[in-house]
């Protein structure tokens, strides 16, 4: 971000008619871009604060309700003894969490919550902006699902339908490339808040998208991922087709395709 001191001390070259117009325009463009980035970062930070405050209020209310109902101070539950079968305990915990999650189509009022999840799960260079997420919600709401716990959006998956077998960068920018009759269902973004990860929620979201694509008569699903996640998506039947043409966010991606 350009500091105020830089703006004050900026010196421009003088031409015959005064300051060099090109230099001035370039500097002003830098200021505009810096301010746009700052505004986006501020907006995301405000969303995070608001969501955290709402979550705090939600859990504080629950503790107060428990206190009123029992007439005692609401204490944190005592630690459970470690089970001898750790895998069984983890599986039970995963199932319990999964059962409390609702998967539904996105709604316009989910925009802020989805934007916050996106910003939390992805680096700034890769995360979709609020405007792009809004465009996706407006353009293909039936190809966009959210995971919800106690009325709070904690994860989502979305992707346009199209005729392309593999993803290109323009798809991330232009939601209008969506085609309801497209042969392929893309996965443009999938994310779950860190505190809800490793409970099978991402798998439920992915299976929801796959089942919908199969029911719609599409040829299959397509996505890009980083090399460390190839094995994860392979569990759903996706096949690794090598390095993708996509350079989204300046990263190296791999094409993954699931054919029905």
C-alpha atoms as a PDB file:
ATOM      1  CA  UNK A   1       0.000   0.000   0.000  1.00  0.00           C
ATOM      2  CA  UNK A   2       1.326   3.463  -0.867  1.00  0.00           C
ATOM      3  CA  UNK A   3       2.047   5.478   2.270  1.00  0.00           C
ATOM      4  CA  UNK A   4       0.987   9.099   2.695  1.00  0.00           C
ATOM      5  CA  UNK A   5       4.655  10.123   2.948  1.00  0.00           C
ATOM      6  CA  UNK A   6       5.343   8.637  -0.495  1.00  0.00           C
ATOM      7  CA  UNK A   7       2.507  10.641  -2.010  1.00  0.00           C
ATOM      8  CA  UNK A   8       3.684  13.885  -0.354  1.00  0.00           C
ATOM      9  CA  UNK A   9       7.318  13.424  -1.379  1.00  0.00           C
ATOM     10  CA  UNK A  10       6.657  12.135  -4.911  1.00  0.00           C
ATOM     11  CA  UNK A  11       8.627  14.083  -7.517  1.00  0.00           C
ATOM     12  CA  UNK A  12       7.658  14.205 -11.183  1.00  0.00           C
ATOM     13  CA  UNK A  13       9.868  15.030 -14.149  1.00  0.00           C
ATOM     14  CA  UNK A  14       9.192  18.377 -15.814  1.00  0.00           C
ATOM     15  CA  UNK A  15       8.480  18.544 -19.517  1.00  0.00           C
ATOM     16  CA  UNK A  16       8.336  21.649 -21.671  1.00  0.00           C
ATOM     17  CA  UNK A  17       4.642  22.151 -20.810  1.00  0.00           C
ATOM     18  CA  UNK A  18       4.990  21.182 -17.112  1.00  0.00           C
ATOM     19  CA  UNK A  19       4.967  17.855 -15.329  1.00  0.00           C
ATOM     20  CA  UNK A  20       5.189  14.691 -17.408  1.00  0.00           C
ATOM     21  CA  UNK A  21       1.550  13.644 -17.823  1.00  0.00           C
ATOM     22  CA  UNK A  22       2.478   9.986 -18.316  1.00  0.00           C
ATOM     23  CA  UNK A  23       4.323   9.822 -14.986  1.00  0.00           C
ATOM     24  CA  UNK A  24       1.475  11.499 -13.163  1.00  0.00           C
ATOM     25  CA  UNK A  25      -1.105   9.144 -14.676  1.00  0.00           C
ATOM     26  CA  UNK A  26       0.998   6.083 -13.851  1.00  0.00           C
ATOM     27  CA  UNK A  27       1.438   7.215 -10.248  1.00  0.00           C
ATOM     28  CA  UNK A  28      -2.275   7.905  -9.874  1.00  0.00           C
ATOM     29  CA  UNK A  29      -3.059   4.453 -11.286  1.00  0.00           C
ATOM     30  CA  UNK A  30      -0.782   2.915  -8.636  1.00  0.00           C
ATOM     31  CA  UNK A  31      -2.639   4.836  -5.935  1.00  0.00           C
ATOM     32  CA  UNK A  32      -5.995   3.642  -7.246  1.00  0.00           C
ATOM     33  CA  UNK A  33      -4.886  -0.018  -7.362  1.00  0.00           C
ATOM     34  CA  UNK A  34      -3.350   0.218  -3.891  1.00  0.00           C
ATOM     35  CA  UNK A  35      -6.514   1.750  -2.460  1.00  0.00           C
ATOM     36  CA  UNK A  36      -8.677  -0.906  -4.130  1.00  0.00           C
ATOM     37  CA  UNK A  37      -6.550  -3.641  -2.558  1.00  0.00           C
ATOM     38  CA  UNK A  38      -6.716  -1.895   0.816  1.00  0.00           C
ATOM     39  CA  UNK A  39     -10.488  -1.554   0.571  1.00  0.00           C
ATOM     40  CA  UNK A  40     -10.859  -5.254  -0.279  1.00  0.00           C
ATOM     41  CA  UNK A  41      -8.600  -6.283   2.638  1.00  0.00           C
ATOM     42  CA  UNK A  42     -10.537  -4.001   4.977  1.00  0.00           C
ATOM     43  CA  UNK A  43     -13.850  -5.406   3.782  1.00  0.00           C
ATOM     44  CA  UNK A  44     -12.697  -8.989   4.344  1.00  0.00           C
ATOM     45  CA  UNK A  45     -11.317  -8.085   7.788  1.00  0.00           C
ATOM     46  CA  UNK A  46     -14.624  -6.465   8.737  1.00  0.00           C
ATOM     47  CA  UNK A  47     -16.487  -9.568   7.539  1.00  0.00           C
ATOM     48  CA  UNK A  48     -14.268 -11.782   9.660  1.00  0.00           C
ATOM     49  CA  UNK A  49     -14.772  -9.593  12.727  1.00  0.00           C
ATOM     50  CA  UNK A  50     -18.538  -9.536  12.253  1.00  0.00           C
ATOM     51  CA  UNK A  51     -18.712 -13.310  11.783  1.00  0.00           C
ATOM     52  CA  UNK A  52     -16.510 -13.920  14.830  1.00  0.00           C
ATOM     53  CA  UNK A  53     -18.648 -11.595  16.941  1.00  0.00           C
ATOM     54  CA  UNK A  54     -21.784 -13.391  15.806  1.00  0.00           C
ATOM     55  CA  UNK A  55     -20.201 -16.742  16.629  1.00  0.00           C
ATOM     56  CA  UNK A  56     -19.097 -15.464  20.041  1.00  0.00           C
ATOM     57  CA  UNK A  57     -22.599 -14.186  20.744  1.00  0.00           C
ATOM     58  CA  UNK A  58     -24.044 -17.532  19.623  1.00  0.00           C
ATOM     59  CA  UNK A  59     -21.896 -19.590  21.985  1.00  0.00           C
ATOM     60  CA  UNK A  60     -22.121 -17.065  24.823  1.00  0.00           C
ATOM     61  CA  UNK A  61     -25.889 -17.282  24.561  1.00  0.00           C
ATOM     62  CA  UNK A  62     -25.731 -21.068  24.779  1.00  0.00           C
ATOM     63  CA  UNK A  63     -23.643 -20.921  27.938  1.00  0.00           C
ATOM     64  CA  UNK A  64     -26.006 -18.409  29.508  1.00  0.00           C
ATOM     65  CA  UNK A  65     -28.976 -20.622  28.633  1.00  0.00           C
ATOM     66  CA  UNK A  66     -27.287 -23.569  30.341  1.00  0.00           C
ATOM     67  CA  UNK A  67     -26.598 -21.472  33.421  1.00  0.00           C
ATOM     68  CA  UNK A  68     -30.228 -20.336  33.688  1.00  0.00           C
ATOM     69  CA  UNK A  69     -31.586 -23.842  33.115  1.00  0.00           C
ATOM     70  CA  UNK A  70     -29.458 -25.490  35.828  1.00  0.00           C
ATOM     71  CA  UNK A  71     -29.036 -22.614  38.235  1.00  0.00           C
ATOM     72  CA  UNK A  72     -25.308 -23.339  38.158  1.00  0.00           C
ATOM     73  CA  UNK A  73     -22.284 -21.915  36.433  1.00  0.00           C
ATOM     74  CA  UNK A  74     -21.893 -23.358  32.933  1.00  0.00           C
ATOM     75  CA  UNK A  75     -18.654 -25.306  33.058  1.00  0.00           C
ATOM     76  CA  UNK A  76     -16.680 -26.734  30.156  1.00  0.00           C
ATOM     77  CA  UNK A  77     -17.174 -30.500  29.894  1.00  0.00           C
ATOM     78  CA  UNK A  78     -14.544 -32.621  31.595  1.00  0.00           C
ATOM     79  CA  UNK A  79     -11.976 -34.258  29.363  1.00  0.00           C
ATOM     80  CA  UNK A  80     -12.918 -37.768  28.302  1.00  0.00           C
ATOM     81  CA  UNK A  81     -10.500 -40.611  28.931  1.00  0.00           C
ATOM     82  CA  UNK A  82      -8.517 -41.619  25.874  1.00  0.00           C
ATOM     83  CA  UNK A  83     -10.103 -44.566  24.097  1.00  0.00           C
ATOM     84  CA  UNK A  84      -7.908 -47.524  23.307  1.00  0.00           C
ATOM     85  CA  UNK A  85      -9.221 -47.544  19.760  1.00  0.00           C
ATOM     86  CA  UNK A  86      -8.240 -44.056  18.545  1.00  0.00           C
ATOM     87  CA  UNK A  87      -9.409 -44.665  14.981  1.00  0.00           C
ATOM     88  CA  UNK A  88     -12.882 -45.608  16.219  1.00  0.00           C
ATOM     89  CA  UNK A  89     -13.102 -42.443  18.321  1.00  0.00           C
ATOM     90  CA  UNK A  90     -12.075 -40.246  15.385  1.00  0.00           C
ATOM     91  CA  UNK A  91     -14.618 -41.948  13.110  1.00  0.00           C
ATOM     92  CA  UNK A  92     -17.396 -41.393  15.650  1.00  0.00           C
ATOM     93  CA  UNK A  93     -16.439 -37.727  16.000  1.00  0.00           C
ATOM     94  CA  UNK A  94     -16.448 -37.305  12.210  1.00  0.00           C
ATOM     95  CA  UNK A  95     -19.863 -38.923  11.892  1.00  0.00           C
ATOM     96  CA  UNK A  96     -21.327 -36.792  14.687  1.00  0.00           C
ATOM     97  CA  UNK A  97     -20.114 -33.570  13.102  1.00  0.00           C
ATOM     98  CA  UNK A  98     -21.252 -34.635   9.629  1.00  0.00           C
ATOM     99  CA  UNK A  99     -24.748 -35.376  10.897  1.00  0.00           C
ATOM    100  CA  UNK A 100     -25.148 -31.827  12.231  1.00  0.00           C
ATOM    101  CA  UNK A 101     -24.231 -30.250   8.882  1.00  0.00           C
ATOM    102  CA  UNK A 102     -26.865 -29.141   6.378  1.00  0.00           C
ATOM    103  CA  UNK A 103     -25.966 -28.980   2.680  1.00  0.00           C
ATOM    104  CA  UNK A 104     -28.173 -26.621   0.655  1.00  0.00           C
ATOM    105  CA  UNK A 105     -28.136 -24.333  -2.363  1.00  0.00           C
ATOM    106  CA  UNK A 106     -26.540 -20.954  -1.850  1.00  0.00           C
ATOM    107  CA  UNK A 107     -28.786 -17.921  -1.272  1.00  0.00           C
ATOM    108  CA  UNK A 108     -28.031 -14.230  -2.008  1.00  0.00           C
ATOM    109  CA  UNK A 109     -27.831 -13.483   1.713  1.00  0.00           C
ATOM    110  CA  UNK A 110     -24.933 -15.952   2.042  1.00  0.00           C
ATOM    111  CA  UNK A 111     -22.602 -13.653   0.101  1.00  0.00           C
ATOM    112  CA  UNK A 112     -20.717 -12.183   3.059  1.00  0.00           C
ATOM    113  CA  UNK A 113     -20.317 -15.532   4.807  1.00  0.00           C
ATOM    114  CA  UNK A 114     -19.064 -17.274   1.649  1.00  0.00           C
ATOM    115  CA  UNK A 115     -16.645 -14.419   0.966  1.00  0.00           C
ATOM    116  CA  UNK A 116     -15.235 -14.807   4.460  1.00  0.00           C
ATOM    117  CA  UNK A 117     -14.786 -18.571   4.059  1.00  0.00           C
ATOM    118  CA  UNK A 118     -13.100 -18.072   0.671  1.00  0.00           C
ATOM    119  CA  UNK A 119     -10.700 -15.468   2.099  1.00  0.00           C
ATOM    120  CA  UNK A 120      -9.893 -17.735   5.047  1.00  0.00           C
ATOM    121  CA  UNK A 121      -9.222 -20.857   2.991  1.00  0.00           C
ATOM    122  CA  UNK A 122      -7.196 -19.433   0.109  1.00  0.00           C
ATOM    123  CA  UNK A 123      -4.207 -17.073  -0.351  1.00  0.00           C
ATOM    124  CA  UNK A 124      -5.154 -13.578  -1.478  1.00  0.00           C
ATOM    125  CA  UNK A 125      -3.848 -14.177  -5.013  1.00  0.00           C
ATOM    126  CA  UNK A 126      -6.105 -17.237  -5.416  1.00  0.00           C
ATOM    127  CA  UNK A 127      -9.212 -16.255  -3.469  1.00  0.00           C
ATOM    128  CA  UNK A 128     -12.221 -15.062  -5.447  1.00  0.00           C
ATOM    129  CA  UNK A 129     -13.245 -11.490  -4.698  1.00  0.00           C
ATOM    130  CA  UNK A 130     -16.616 -10.606  -3.250  1.00  0.00           C
ATOM    131  CA  UNK A 131     -17.742  -9.310  -6.653  1.00  0.00           C
ATOM    132  CA  UNK A 132     -16.838 -12.564  -8.401  1.00  0.00           C
ATOM    133  CA  UNK A 133     -18.554 -14.662  -5.759  1.00  0.00           C
ATOM    134  CA  UNK A 134     -21.650 -12.504  -6.077  1.00  0.00           C
ATOM    135  CA  UNK A 135     -21.595 -13.011  -9.859  1.00  0.00           C
ATOM    136  CA  UNK A 136     -21.432 -16.787  -9.379  1.00  0.00           C
ATOM    137  CA  UNK A 137     -24.345 -16.743  -6.944  1.00  0.00           C
ATOM    138  CA  UNK A 138     -26.410 -14.720  -9.400  1.00  0.00           C
ATOM    139  CA  UNK A 139     -25.391 -16.731 -12.490  1.00  0.00           C
ATOM    140  CA  UNK A 140     -25.390 -20.359 -11.333  1.00  0.00           C
ATOM    141  CA  UNK A 141     -27.044 -20.672  -7.888  1.00  0.00           C
ATOM    142  CA  UNK A 142     -28.015 -24.286  -8.658  1.00  0.00           C
ATOM    143  CA  UNK A 143     -24.325 -25.154  -9.112  1.00  0.00           C
ATOM    144  CA  UNK A 144     -23.354 -23.602  -5.782  1.00  0.00           C
ATOM    145  CA  UNK A 145     -23.847 -25.347  -2.431  1.00  0.00           C
ATOM    146  CA  UNK A 146     -23.069 -24.284   1.145  1.00  0.00           C
ATOM    147  CA  UNK A 147     -22.507 -26.329   4.303  1.00  0.00           C
ATOM    148  CA  UNK A 148     -24.288 -24.909   7.315  1.00  0.00           C
ATOM    149  CA  UNK A 149     -24.070 -25.624  11.059  1.00  0.00           C
ATOM    150  CA  UNK A 150     -26.559 -24.010  13.441  1.00  0.00           C
ATOM    151  CA  UNK A 151     -27.408 -21.403  10.803  1.00  0.00           C
ATOM    152  CA  UNK A 152     -23.756 -20.548  10.133  1.00  0.00           C
ATOM    153  CA  UNK A 153     -22.141 -21.099   6.710  1.00  0.00           C
ATOM    154  CA  UNK A 154     -18.912 -22.988   7.386  1.00  0.00           C
ATOM    155  CA  UNK A 155     -18.075 -24.263   3.906  1.00  0.00           C
ATOM    156  CA  UNK A 156     -19.107 -24.322   0.252  1.00  0.00           C
ATOM    157  CA  UNK A 157     -18.462 -25.694  -3.218  1.00  0.00           C
ATOM    158  CA  UNK A 158     -19.244 -24.068  -6.551  1.00  0.00           C
ATOM    159  CA  UNK A 159     -18.484 -24.374 -10.239  1.00  0.00           C
ATOM    160  CA  UNK A 160     -19.998 -23.487 -13.563  1.00  0.00           C
ATOM    161  CA  UNK A 161     -21.239 -26.026 -16.082  1.00  0.00           C
ATOM    162  CA  UNK A 162     -19.539 -25.683 -19.465  1.00  0.00           C
ATOM    163  CA  UNK A 163     -18.419 -27.505 -22.591  1.00  0.00           C
ATOM    164  CA  UNK A 164     -14.760 -27.467 -21.554  1.00  0.00           C
ATOM    165  CA  UNK A 165     -13.260 -30.708 -20.285  1.00  0.00           C
ATOM    166  CA  UNK A 166     -10.560 -28.804 -18.374  1.00  0.00           C
ATOM    167  CA  UNK A 167     -10.524 -25.460 -16.617  1.00  0.00           C
ATOM    168  CA  UNK A 168      -9.059 -22.232 -18.038  1.00  0.00           C
ATOM    169  CA  UNK A 169      -8.362 -19.028 -16.136  1.00  0.00           C
ATOM    170  CA  UNK A 170     -11.141 -17.040 -17.826  1.00  0.00           C
ATOM    171  CA  UNK A 171     -13.663 -19.250 -16.023  1.00  0.00           C
ATOM    172  CA  UNK A 172     -12.588 -17.788 -12.670  1.00  0.00           C
ATOM    173  CA  UNK A 173     -13.121 -14.261 -13.940  1.00  0.00           C
ATOM    174  CA  UNK A 174     -16.255 -14.539 -16.065  1.00  0.00           C
ATOM    175  CA  UNK A 175     -19.230 -16.278 -14.463  1.00  0.00           C
ATOM    176  CA  UNK A 176     -21.134 -15.690 -17.703  1.00  0.00           C
ATOM    177  CA  UNK A 177     -19.206 -18.589 -19.265  1.00  0.00           C
ATOM    178  CA  UNK A 178     -21.637 -20.854 -17.403  1.00  0.00           C
ATOM    179  CA  UNK A 179     -23.915 -22.971 -19.605  1.00  0.00           C
ATOM    180  CA  UNK A 180     -26.847 -24.746 -17.952  1.00  0.00           C
ATOM    181  CA  UNK A 181     -26.603 -27.449 -20.628  1.00  0.00           C
ATOM    182  CA  UNK A 182     -22.826 -27.762 -20.410  1.00  0.00           C
ATOM    183  CA  UNK A 183     -21.428 -31.284 -20.640  1.00  0.00           C
ATOM    184  CA  UNK A 184     -18.960 -30.814 -17.796  1.00  0.00           C
ATOM    185  CA  UNK A 185     -19.439 -29.675 -14.195  1.00  0.00           C
ATOM    186  CA  UNK A 186     -16.426 -27.725 -12.989  1.00  0.00           C
ATOM    187  CA  UNK A 187     -15.258 -27.241  -9.418  1.00  0.00           C
ATOM    188  CA  UNK A 188     -14.015 -23.691  -9.204  1.00  0.00           C
ATOM    189  CA  UNK A 189     -13.780 -23.478  -5.435  1.00  0.00           C
ATOM    190  CA  UNK A 190     -14.310 -25.716  -2.414  1.00  0.00           C
ATOM    191  CA  UNK A 191     -13.504 -24.671   1.127  1.00  0.00           C
ATOM    192  CA  UNK A 192     -14.326 -25.413   4.751  1.00  0.00           C
ATOM    193  CA  UNK A 193     -13.359 -23.251   7.725  1.00  0.00           C
ATOM    194  CA  UNK A 194     -10.273 -24.657   9.504  1.00  0.00           C
ATOM    195  CA  UNK A 195     -12.106 -25.468  12.740  1.00  0.00           C
ATOM    196  CA  UNK A 196     -14.564 -27.664  10.820  1.00  0.00           C
ATOM    197  CA  UNK A 197     -12.053 -29.478   8.640  1.00  0.00           C
ATOM    198  CA  UNK A 198     -11.278 -33.222   8.901  1.00  0.00           C
ATOM    199  CA  UNK A 199     -14.905 -34.055   9.664  1.00  0.00           C
ATOM    200  CA  UNK A 200     -15.908 -35.209   6.196  1.00  0.00           C
ATOM    201  CA  UNK A 201     -17.690 -31.949   5.304  1.00  0.00           C
ATOM    202  CA  UNK A 202     -15.634 -31.270   2.163  1.00  0.00           C
ATOM    203  CA  UNK A 203     -16.347 -34.840   1.048  1.00  0.00           C
ATOM    204  CA  UNK A 204     -20.091 -34.309   1.497  1.00  0.00           C
ATOM    205  CA  UNK A 205     -19.916 -31.122  -0.548  1.00  0.00           C
ATOM    206  CA  UNK A 206     -17.949 -32.839  -3.313  1.00  0.00           C
ATOM    207  CA  UNK A 207     -20.297 -35.833  -3.406  1.00  0.00           C
ATOM    208  CA  UNK A 208     -23.278 -33.463  -3.595  1.00  0.00           C
ATOM    209  CA  UNK A 209     -21.792 -31.776  -6.676  1.00  0.00           C
ATOM    210  CA  UNK A 210     -20.877 -35.098  -8.292  1.00  0.00           C
ATOM    211  CA  UNK A 211     -24.336 -36.587  -7.681  1.00  0.00           C
ATOM    212  CA  UNK A 212     -25.972 -33.491  -9.143  1.00  0.00           C
ATOM    213  CA  UNK A 213     -23.768 -33.589 -12.245  1.00  0.00           C
ATOM    214  CA  UNK A 214     -24.540 -37.264 -12.771  1.00  0.00           C
ATOM    215  CA  UNK A 215     -28.292 -36.662 -12.349  1.00  0.00           C
ATOM    216  CA  UNK A 216     -28.110 -33.789 -14.848  1.00  0.00           C
ATOM    217  CA  UNK A 217     -26.668 -36.153 -17.471  1.00  0.00           C
ATOM    218  CA  UNK A 218     -23.281 -34.451 -17.703  1.00  0.00           C
ATOM    219  CA  UNK A 219     -20.174 -36.251 -18.957  1.00  0.00           C
ATOM    220  CA  UNK A 220     -18.352 -35.718 -15.701  1.00  0.00           C
ATOM    221  CA  UNK A 221     -16.629 -33.218 -13.413  1.00  0.00           C
ATOM    222  CA  UNK A 222     -13.431 -31.250 -13.804  1.00  0.00           C
ATOM    223  CA  UNK A 223     -11.179 -29.321 -11.437  1.00  0.00           C
ATOM    224  CA  UNK A 224      -7.626 -28.133 -10.911  1.00  0.00           C
ATOM    225  CA  UNK A 225      -5.594 -28.683  -7.756  1.00  0.00           C
ATOM    226  CA  UNK A 226      -2.059 -28.456  -6.433  1.00  0.00           C
ATOM    227  CA  UNK A 227       0.107 -31.574  -6.447  1.00  0.00           C
ATOM    228  CA  UNK A 228      -0.327 -32.202  -2.718  1.00  0.00           C
ATOM    229  CA  UNK A 229      -4.085 -32.690  -3.190  1.00  0.00           C
ATOM    230  CA  UNK A 230      -4.018 -35.016  -6.195  1.00  0.00           C
ATOM    231  CA  UNK A 231      -4.364 -38.065  -3.945  1.00  0.00           C
ATOM    232  CA  UNK A 232      -7.341 -36.530  -2.131  1.00  0.00           C
ATOM    233  CA  UNK A 233      -9.416 -35.928  -5.260  1.00  0.00           C
ATOM    234  CA  UNK A 234      -8.383 -39.330  -6.614  1.00  0.00           C
ATOM    235  CA  UNK A 235     -10.508 -40.807  -3.805  1.00  0.00           C
ATOM    236  CA  UNK A 236     -13.597 -39.456  -5.586  1.00  0.00           C
ATOM    237  CA  UNK A 237     -12.563 -41.004  -8.896  1.00  0.00           C
ATOM    238  CA  UNK A 238     -10.784 -37.998 -10.426  1.00  0.00           C
ATOM    239  CA  UNK A 239      -7.858 -38.847 -12.711  1.00  0.00           C
ATOM    240  CA  UNK A 240      -4.681 -36.783 -12.860  1.00  0.00           C
ATOM    241  CA  UNK A 241      -4.122 -35.461 -16.399  1.00  0.00           C
ATOM    242  CA  UNK A 242      -0.944 -33.530 -15.725  1.00  0.00           C
ATOM    243  CA  UNK A 243      -0.047 -29.868 -15.368  1.00  0.00           C
ATOM    244  CA  UNK A 244      -2.915 -27.554 -16.221  1.00  0.00           C
ATOM    245  CA  UNK A 245      -2.854 -24.617 -18.598  1.00  0.00           C
ATOM    246  CA  UNK A 246      -4.333 -22.582 -15.759  1.00  0.00           C
ATOM    247  CA  UNK A 247      -1.951 -20.175 -14.021  1.00  0.00           C
ATOM    248  CA  UNK A 248      -4.553 -18.911 -11.554  1.00  0.00           C
ATOM    249  CA  UNK A 249      -2.930 -16.953  -8.732  1.00  0.00           C
ATOM    250  CA  UNK A 250       0.520 -17.636 -10.154  1.00  0.00           C
ATOM    251  CA  UNK A 251       0.493 -21.248  -8.902  1.00  0.00           C
ATOM    252  CA  UNK A 252       1.110 -24.584 -10.638  1.00  0.00           C
ATOM    253  CA  UNK A 253      -2.112 -26.575 -11.017  1.00  0.00           C
ATOM    254  CA  UNK A 254      -2.968 -30.071 -12.175  1.00  0.00           C
ATOM    255  CA  UNK A 255      -6.016 -31.026 -14.237  1.00  0.00           C
ATOM    256  CA  UNK A 256      -8.214 -33.590 -12.527  1.00  0.00           C
ATOM    257  CA  UNK A 257     -11.098 -35.148 -14.485  1.00  0.00           C
ATOM    258  CA  UNK A 258     -13.861 -37.493 -13.337  1.00  0.00           C
ATOM    259  CA  UNK A 259     -15.678 -39.163 -16.222  1.00  0.00           C
ATOM    260  CA  UNK A 260     -19.018 -40.858 -15.646  1.00  0.00           C
END
